[in-house]
Structure formats: C-alpha cells, structure tokens
C-alpha cells in the first residue's frame, strides 16, 4: 500500500480549498488526503468520512497520479432536467413576483409556458434545485416614510449618546404603547395536525378585554404597566403611568418617552401634567412606524406565550398575561434577542413601484 506525504505548500493549498468549496463531495476528497497525511490509516479515514475503502483508494490514486485539480473535478453533474438554463431563469423571474401560491400553480404554468409536464413531486424537487422555498411574504406599512424613520433612529442614537456623556442628567428612555387582549378572540392559529383532523378552539364574543398601557426601557429591560378591565386607556390613565415611572425612579432627572400618534397623549390633562413636570419629554414616533416601537415586539411575544390558546374564563386569560408580563426575567434569553435595538427600515428601492406611486 503506497504511502502519501504532503509538503507544506500542498497542505496549505488543500486546507484553503477545503475552506472555499461549497460542494460536500470535493470537501470529502480533500479531507481524505489531509487525514492520510496526518498518519491515520485508510480504515480510520474511511470510517470518519463514511465512505468505502475502495472509494478512498480511488481518491488517493487520482491525487497521487493526476494532482489536486483532477481530484476536485466532478464529472457527474446530475440530471439536467426538462428545462433549459434560459427557461430556469424565466421560471425564477416569475417566482420572484410572488404570483404562485402553491406548487400546482407552478406545474400548470410550466405546462402552458414551456409545454413541459411535471408531477406534483417533480415540481417541488425542481423548486428546491433552482433555489426557491415556501415562506410567508413580508408585510410593510406602505404609508410609512423610510426617510423619517431613518431620521428618528439617528435622533434616538444621538439622544442616547448625549445621555451617556459625563455630567449629563440621569436619563431613562421608555417605549410606550397600549395592548388590548380580548378574551376568546384571535384564537385561530396554525399548528401541525394529522391528515384529515380538525382541531376546534372555542371563541368568545369579544366583549371582555384587558387594556394594558405599558412602558419598556431598553437600557435595563425594565417593564412597567397599568392593566385595566373596566376603564379604557385615556389621558388620565397615561398620567397615572407617568406617576408610576416617577415613583419607581425618584432619582431620575429626565424621562424620554417614545410614543405613537394616539390621541390621549395630546389631551389637556396630559399637557397640564407635563407642564408641571418638565423632566418628562414625549418624543413622537413617525406615523405608520410600529417597527420603531420596541414594545410592539413585546406585545407579539405576549400573544405567542399567553394568548394563542383557549382560556376557560376571562380571569384565566388575565392570569396567563400576568404569568408572562410579571415574570419577564424567566424569558430573559429570548427577550435579549427579540428586544435588541436593531430597527428594520424598508429601503425605498425595495418598495414595489405601485406602492411608491400611491404614497
């Protein structure tokens, strides 16, 4: 059995090729040569790479007699399929428009456009080969102004930098918003079921709801709120939340609250209270911009953890909400990723032309 020894330049070249290749078959061949060079037996290498001794011997023979370029050449390219490269590109362009809701629509389109017939399973295999996948579209608020959103994020970063400078007043930042869980509603969700099975979930009348006015601080992940079962969120309740923030942090010299366009922020009772407490500053978010309000992510998290299941009573739903909002520390690892201060803003170039024309 012939031995194999690489020089330093060969080892470096093979390692570089291993890092750069995206083909598992080429990676196996290069790794086999490198492992043999380290002194491992052919049986050990074949076992590590899950190949036969005969296959391994063939790779080593090719490398020894013809070199690394031939070793990295794959002669089997797979089934070329029924479509030409130009037809594949045309298919990919059509897929990118989002016009296909299921594989059967694509099967009919292929037959009508190229007179090529595929079975349902064949279409799915074809889609995987051309790099297509089945997933949800990304919704966006087309009335939002990306420029104003970027300006807000820049201002937010600037305010944080100023607050962190020596001698700056002690400042806390909060994102404020309301959430309204309704008992027995919004219970239709997706889940895996057996073929032909129906899972019934009870739905109520929607007459009982919990009104939550919350404030989230990204600096230390503090969350405070008011929960109301009889009263609606209004100017008086917002003032009560401000009082709660003031009582919780008497040492703070400046509160910056980021709020949306809800009317109660401009009510006379709110404006009068702010005049008496100049340490509070309301910063309006750009219109149609829930993507900039961090607490919106918390509401989605709450729905996922507490509200996407049936609760026998309104009190049970309230308890489920409390189990989440009153124990956010238990979800700290999940929330640290979810609540990261990264704001996704849709670029103007990504917005379809028809939406830009209307906006």
Protein backbone atom coordinates (compact mmCIF):
# COMPACT_ATOMS: atom_id res chain seq x y z
CA UNK A 1 0.00 0.00 0.00
CA UNK A 2 1.58 3.26 -1.13
CA UNK A 3 2.16 5.99 1.43
CA UNK A 4 1.30 9.64 0.98
CA UNK A 5 3.28 12.62 2.27
CA UNK A 6 2.47 16.28 1.58
CA UNK A 7 4.83 19.19 1.69
CA UNK A 8 3.93 22.45 3.46
CA UNK A 9 2.72 24.15 0.27
CA UNK A 10 0.44 21.23 -0.60
CA UNK A 11 -1.09 21.17 2.88
CA UNK A 12 -1.76 24.88 2.76
CA UNK A 13 -3.34 24.59 -0.70
CA UNK A 14 -5.62 21.70 0.33
CA UNK A 15 -6.75 23.48 3.51
CA UNK A 16 -7.52 26.63 1.52
CA UNK A 17 -9.59 24.63 -0.95
CA UNK A 18 -11.47 22.95 1.92
CA UNK A 19 -12.49 26.32 3.32
CA UNK A 20 -13.57 27.70 -0.05
CA UNK A 21 -15.52 24.79 -1.52
CA UNK A 22 -19.29 24.60 -1.14
CA UNK A 23 -19.51 21.05 -2.51
CA UNK A 24 -19.55 18.30 0.11
CA UNK A 25 -18.06 15.78 -2.33
CA UNK A 26 -14.98 17.89 -3.02
CA UNK A 27 -14.62 18.64 0.70
CA UNK A 28 -14.58 14.89 1.44
CA UNK A 29 -11.88 14.23 -1.15
CA UNK A 30 -9.60 16.99 0.12
CA UNK A 31 -10.15 16.00 3.75
CA UNK A 32 -9.31 12.39 2.95
CA UNK A 33 -5.90 13.39 1.60
CA UNK A 34 -5.20 15.63 4.59
CA UNK A 35 -6.17 12.94 7.10
CA UNK A 36 -3.98 10.32 5.42
CA UNK A 37 -1.11 12.80 5.56
CA UNK A 38 -1.53 13.10 9.35
CA UNK A 39 -0.81 9.36 9.72
CA UNK A 40 -4.33 7.97 10.04
CA UNK A 41 -4.97 4.59 8.48
CA UNK A 42 -7.20 4.18 5.45
CA UNK A 43 -9.73 2.30 7.56
CA UNK A 44 -9.90 5.16 10.07
CA UNK A 45 -10.33 7.79 7.35
CA UNK A 46 -12.99 5.78 5.51
CA UNK A 47 -14.91 5.38 8.76
CA UNK A 48 -14.67 9.11 9.58
CA UNK A 49 -15.90 10.15 6.12
CA UNK A 50 -18.49 7.36 5.82
CA UNK A 51 -17.09 6.08 2.50
CA UNK A 52 -15.85 2.70 1.36
CA UNK A 53 -12.16 1.73 1.33
CA UNK A 54 -12.41 1.31 -2.42
CA UNK A 55 -13.71 4.85 -2.86
CA UNK A 56 -10.98 6.24 -0.63
CA UNK A 57 -8.30 4.34 -2.51
CA UNK A 58 -9.60 5.76 -5.79
CA UNK A 59 -9.37 9.35 -4.46
CA UNK A 60 -5.81 8.82 -3.26
CA UNK A 61 -4.80 7.29 -6.59
CA UNK A 62 -6.24 10.26 -8.50
CA UNK A 63 -4.42 12.74 -6.27
CA UNK A 64 -1.10 10.86 -6.49
CA UNK A 65 -1.19 10.33 -10.26
CA UNK A 66 -3.12 13.32 -11.64
CA UNK A 67 -3.00 16.02 -8.95
CA UNK A 68 -5.39 18.11 -6.93
CA UNK A 69 -7.12 19.80 -9.89
CA UNK A 70 -8.36 16.49 -11.24
CA UNK A 71 -9.30 15.37 -7.72
CA UNK A 72 -11.55 18.43 -7.42
CA UNK A 73 -13.20 17.88 -10.82
CA UNK A 74 -16.64 16.31 -10.67
CA UNK A 75 -17.67 14.55 -13.83
CA UNK A 76 -21.18 13.65 -12.67
CA UNK A 77 -23.29 16.79 -12.91
CA UNK A 78 -26.68 15.26 -12.19
CA UNK A 79 -29.84 15.16 -14.27
CA UNK A 80 -30.04 18.32 -16.41
CA UNK A 81 -33.84 18.23 -16.08
CA UNK A 82 -36.53 19.14 -18.58
CA UNK A 83 -35.86 22.89 -18.67
CA UNK A 84 -33.08 24.75 -20.43
CA UNK A 85 -30.97 27.25 -18.42
CA UNK A 86 -32.88 30.11 -20.06
CA UNK A 87 -36.21 28.55 -19.07
CA UNK A 88 -34.99 28.09 -15.49
CA UNK A 89 -34.11 31.79 -15.32
CA UNK A 90 -37.55 32.69 -16.69
CA UNK A 91 -39.15 30.49 -14.04
CA UNK A 92 -37.09 32.13 -11.29
CA UNK A 93 -38.12 35.58 -12.51
CA UNK A 94 -41.78 34.52 -12.39
CA UNK A 95 -41.38 33.06 -8.90
CA UNK A 96 -39.82 36.31 -7.67
CA UNK A 97 -43.06 38.18 -8.43
CA UNK A 98 -44.89 36.19 -5.73
CA UNK A 99 -47.65 35.10 -8.12
CA UNK A 100 -47.55 31.39 -7.18
CA UNK A 101 -49.40 30.30 -4.03
CA UNK A 102 -48.79 26.55 -4.45
CA UNK A 103 -46.78 24.04 -6.48
CA UNK A 104 -49.80 23.09 -8.59
CA UNK A 105 -49.99 26.62 -10.00
CA UNK A 106 -46.33 26.35 -11.00
CA UNK A 107 -46.96 22.95 -12.60
CA UNK A 108 -49.74 24.44 -14.76
CA UNK A 109 -47.60 27.48 -15.64
CA UNK A 110 -44.73 25.23 -16.81
CA UNK A 111 -47.09 23.25 -18.99
CA UNK A 112 -48.70 26.34 -20.53
CA UNK A 113 -45.46 28.29 -20.99
CA UNK A 114 -42.94 25.61 -21.99
CA UNK A 115 -45.21 22.64 -22.84
CA UNK A 116 -43.29 20.67 -20.21
CA UNK A 117 -45.14 18.34 -17.86
CA UNK A 118 -44.13 17.70 -14.25
CA UNK A 119 -45.72 15.66 -11.50
CA UNK A 120 -46.50 17.50 -8.25
CA UNK A 121 -43.49 15.92 -6.53
CA UNK A 122 -41.30 16.73 -9.54
CA UNK A 123 -42.24 20.41 -9.31
CA UNK A 124 -41.20 20.53 -5.66
CA UNK A 125 -37.87 18.90 -6.48
CA UNK A 126 -37.39 21.41 -9.30
CA UNK A 127 -38.12 24.34 -6.97
CA UNK A 128 -35.52 23.14 -4.48
CA UNK A 129 -32.94 22.80 -7.26
CA UNK A 130 -33.47 26.36 -8.53
CA UNK A 131 -33.24 27.80 -5.00
CA UNK A 132 -36.91 28.50 -4.25
CA UNK A 133 -38.61 27.97 -0.89
CA UNK A 134 -42.13 28.31 0.52
CA UNK A 135 -42.46 31.05 3.12
CA UNK A 136 -44.61 33.99 4.12
CA UNK A 137 -44.41 37.31 2.34
CA UNK A 138 -43.11 40.28 4.34
CA UNK A 139 -45.77 42.86 5.09
CA UNK A 140 -44.95 46.54 5.45
CA UNK A 141 -46.89 49.71 6.09
CA UNK A 142 -46.75 51.34 2.68
CA UNK A 143 -47.73 54.75 4.06
CA UNK A 144 -44.62 54.87 6.26
CA UNK A 145 -41.86 57.29 5.28
CA UNK A 146 -38.47 55.49 5.28
CA UNK A 147 -36.59 58.81 5.36
CA UNK A 148 -38.39 59.97 8.50
CA UNK A 149 -37.84 56.57 10.08
CA UNK A 150 -34.09 56.81 9.48
CA UNK A 151 -34.09 60.33 10.91
CA UNK A 152 -35.86 59.06 14.03
CA UNK A 153 -33.32 56.26 14.55
CA UNK A 154 -30.46 58.74 14.12
CA UNK A 155 -32.07 61.05 16.68
CA UNK A 156 -32.61 58.15 19.09
CA UNK A 157 -28.95 57.13 18.85
CA UNK A 158 -27.89 60.75 19.35
CA UNK A 159 -30.06 61.14 22.46
CA UNK A 160 -28.53 58.00 23.94
CA UNK A 161 -25.01 59.26 23.31
CA UNK A 162 -25.79 62.62 24.92
CA UNK A 163 -27.32 60.91 27.96
CA UNK A 164 -24.15 58.85 28.39
CA UNK A 165 -21.78 61.81 28.47
CA UNK A 166 -20.17 62.93 31.76
CA UNK A 167 -22.27 65.49 33.59
CA UNK A 168 -25.45 64.72 31.67
CA UNK A 169 -28.68 64.48 33.71
CA UNK A 170 -29.67 60.97 34.76
CA UNK A 171 -31.96 59.88 31.96
CA UNK A 172 -34.19 56.90 31.29
CA UNK A 173 -35.70 56.03 27.91
CA UNK A 174 -39.04 54.25 27.53
CA UNK A 175 -41.07 52.98 24.61
CA UNK A 176 -44.77 53.34 25.45
CA UNK A 177 -47.81 51.73 23.87
CA UNK A 178 -51.15 50.09 24.64
CA UNK A 179 -52.22 46.49 24.12
CA UNK A 180 -55.80 45.14 24.26
CA UNK A 181 -56.06 41.33 24.66
CA UNK A 182 -59.63 40.20 24.01
CA UNK A 183 -60.92 37.10 25.78
CA UNK A 184 -61.87 34.30 23.44
CA UNK A 185 -60.83 36.09 20.26
CA UNK A 186 -57.80 35.80 17.95
CA UNK A 187 -57.54 32.09 18.73
CA UNK A 188 -57.25 30.88 15.15
CA UNK A 189 -53.61 29.90 14.75
CA UNK A 190 -51.55 27.42 12.74
CA UNK A 191 -50.24 24.12 14.07
CA UNK A 192 -49.35 20.65 12.81
CA UNK A 193 -52.29 18.22 12.75
CA UNK A 194 -52.92 14.75 11.40
CA UNK A 195 -54.20 14.48 7.84
CA UNK A 196 -57.98 14.96 7.86
CA UNK A 197 -58.05 16.10 11.50
CA UNK A 198 -59.89 19.24 12.66
CA UNK A 199 -58.97 20.88 15.95
CA UNK A 200 -61.74 23.05 17.42
CA UNK A 201 -60.85 26.06 19.57
CA UNK A 202 -63.55 27.97 21.39
CA UNK A 203 -64.06 31.63 20.56
CA UNK A 204 -65.96 34.16 22.65
CA UNK A 205 -67.96 37.22 21.76
CA UNK A 206 -65.07 39.65 22.15
CA UNK A 207 -66.92 41.72 24.75
CA UNK A 208 -64.37 41.27 27.53
CA UNK A 209 -60.93 42.71 27.04
CA UNK A 210 -57.92 43.66 29.10
CA UNK A 211 -56.45 47.10 28.43
CA UNK A 212 -52.72 47.34 29.06
CA UNK A 213 -50.69 50.55 28.93
CA UNK A 214 -47.03 49.60 29.14
CA UNK A 215 -43.60 51.19 29.17
CA UNK A 216 -40.41 49.35 28.23
CA UNK A 217 -36.88 50.60 28.94
CA UNK A 218 -34.21 49.15 26.60
CA UNK A 219 -31.35 50.18 28.90
CA UNK A 220 -32.06 47.55 31.56
CA UNK A 221 -35.16 45.78 30.09
CA UNK A 222 -37.44 47.18 32.79
CA UNK A 223 -41.15 46.85 32.07
CA UNK A 224 -43.94 48.72 33.89
CA UNK A 225 -47.63 48.87 33.07
CA UNK A 226 -51.21 49.62 34.06
CA UNK A 227 -53.83 46.90 33.48
CA UNK A 228 -57.46 47.88 33.27
CA UNK A 229 -60.53 45.68 32.93
CA UNK A 230 -63.26 48.34 33.17
CA UNK A 231 -61.70 51.62 32.07
CA UNK A 232 -60.30 52.44 28.66
CA UNK A 233 -56.86 53.87 28.03
CA UNK A 234 -57.18 57.67 28.13
CA UNK A 235 -55.28 60.77 29.14
CA UNK A 236 -55.91 60.24 32.85
CA UNK A 237 -54.58 56.69 32.69
CA UNK A 238 -51.48 57.85 30.80
CA UNK A 239 -50.82 60.38 33.57
CA UNK A 240 -51.13 57.52 36.07
CA UNK A 241 -48.41 55.67 34.15
CA UNK A 242 -46.20 58.76 34.31
CA UNK A 243 -46.76 58.91 38.07
CA UNK A 244 -45.73 55.24 38.29
CA UNK A 245 -42.49 55.96 36.42
CA UNK A 246 -41.80 58.94 38.66
CA UNK A 247 -42.43 56.92 41.83
CA UNK A 248 -40.32 53.99 40.63
CA UNK A 249 -37.31 56.18 39.78
CA UNK A 250 -37.27 59.26 42.03
CA UNK A 251 -33.56 59.71 41.34
CA UNK A 252 -34.01 60.17 37.57
CA UNK A 253 -33.73 63.74 36.26
CA UNK A 254 -35.08 63.17 32.77
CA UNK A 255 -37.56 60.74 31.26
CA UNK A 256 -37.75 60.38 27.46
CA UNK A 257 -40.86 58.55 26.28
CA UNK A 258 -41.27 57.42 22.68
CA UNK A 259 -44.97 57.34 21.79
CA UNK A 260 -47.13 56.80 18.72
CA UNK A 261 -49.93 59.05 17.49
CA UNK A 262 -52.62 58.01 19.99
CA UNK A 263 -54.90 60.96 20.75
CA UNK A 264 -54.77 60.68 24.52
CA UNK A 265 -51.12 61.86 24.57
CA UNK A 266 -52.33 65.29 23.50
CA UNK A 267 -55.24 65.58 25.94
CA UNK A 268 -55.33 68.71 28.17
CA UNK A 269 -54.87 66.63 31.33
CA UNK A 270 -51.64 65.22 29.90
CA UNK A 271 -50.33 68.56 28.67
CA UNK A 272 -51.04 70.22 32.01
CA UNK A 273 -49.25 67.43 33.91
CA UNK A 274 -46.21 67.69 31.60
CA UNK A 275 -46.00 71.44 32.22
CA UNK A 276 -45.77 70.76 35.95
CA UNK A 277 -43.18 68.01 35.41
CA UNK A 278 -40.67 69.27 32.82
CA UNK A 279 -38.45 66.25 33.43
CA UNK A 280 -40.80 64.26 31.18
CA UNK A 281 -40.35 64.56 27.40
CA UNK A 282 -42.60 62.90 24.83
CA UNK A 283 -40.88 62.00 21.58
CA UNK A 284 -43.34 61.13 18.78
CA UNK A 285 -42.58 58.19 16.54
CA UNK A 286 -43.02 58.71 12.79
CA UNK A 287 -46.51 57.83 11.59
CA UNK A 288 -47.17 54.25 10.49
CA UNK A 289 -43.99 53.06 12.20
CA UNK A 290 -44.70 50.24 14.68
CA UNK A 291 -41.37 48.75 13.57
CA UNK A 292 -39.65 51.54 15.53
CA UNK A 293 -41.54 50.94 18.77
CA UNK A 294 -39.69 48.24 20.70
CA UNK A 295 -42.65 47.47 22.95
CA UNK A 296 -44.62 46.27 19.90
CA UNK A 297 -42.28 43.25 19.87
CA UNK A 298 -43.17 42.58 23.48
CA UNK A 299 -46.89 42.53 22.60
CA UNK A 300 -46.23 39.93 19.89
CA UNK A 301 -44.24 37.89 22.40
CA UNK A 302 -47.14 38.13 24.87
CA UNK A 303 -49.60 36.91 22.25
CA UNK A 304 -47.38 33.95 21.43
CA UNK A 305 -46.80 32.93 25.04
CA UNK A 306 -50.14 33.68 26.68
CA UNK A 307 -52.90 34.35 24.18
CA UNK A 308 -52.61 31.72 21.43
CA UNK A 309 -54.62 29.19 23.42
CA UNK A 310 -58.07 28.82 24.92
CA UNK A 311 -58.72 30.24 28.41
CA UNK A 312 -61.85 28.98 30.10
CA UNK A 313 -62.58 32.30 31.82
CA UNK A 314 -61.63 35.95 31.45
CA UNK A 315 -59.84 35.67 34.78
CA UNK A 316 -57.80 32.76 33.42
CA UNK A 317 -56.72 34.90 30.48
CA UNK A 318 -55.70 37.70 32.82
CA UNK A 319 -53.66 35.23 34.86
CA UNK A 320 -51.91 33.97 31.73
CA UNK A 321 -51.00 37.54 30.81
CA UNK A 322 -49.68 38.17 34.31
CA UNK A 323 -47.66 34.96 34.23
CA UNK A 324 -45.75 36.40 31.30
CA UNK A 325 -45.55 40.14 31.98
CA UNK A 326 -44.82 39.75 35.70
CA UNK A 327 -42.07 37.20 35.10
CA UNK A 328 -40.16 38.52 32.11
CA UNK A 329 -36.90 37.55 33.79
CA UNK A 330 -37.81 33.93 33.05
CA UNK A 331 -37.66 34.78 29.34
CA UNK A 332 -34.54 36.92 29.51
CA UNK A 333 -32.57 34.91 26.96
CA UNK A 334 -35.38 35.05 24.39
CA UNK A 335 -36.08 38.72 25.04
CA UNK A 336 -32.42 39.74 24.83
CA UNK A 337 -32.51 38.75 21.17
CA UNK A 338 -36.06 39.89 20.44
CA UNK A 339 -35.70 43.32 22.05
CA UNK A 340 -32.30 44.19 20.59
CA UNK A 341 -32.19 47.81 19.41
CA UNK A 342 -31.97 46.95 15.74
CA UNK A 343 -34.66 48.67 13.69
CA UNK A 344 -35.57 47.25 10.29
CA UNK A 345 -36.44 50.02 7.86
CA UNK A 346 -37.65 49.14 4.39
CA UNK A 347 -35.41 50.76 1.77
CA UNK A 348 -37.14 52.86 -0.88
CA UNK A 349 -35.64 50.69 -3.61
CA UNK A 350 -37.29 47.59 -2.12
CA UNK A 351 -40.80 49.10 -2.16
CA UNK A 352 -42.78 47.94 -5.23
CA UNK A 353 -43.40 50.71 -7.75
CA UNK A 354 -47.19 50.58 -7.38
CA UNK A 355 -46.92 51.42 -3.64
CA UNK A 356 -44.43 54.24 -4.23
CA UNK A 357 -46.75 55.83 -6.76
CA UNK A 358 -49.67 55.85 -4.31
CA UNK A 359 -47.56 57.10 -1.39
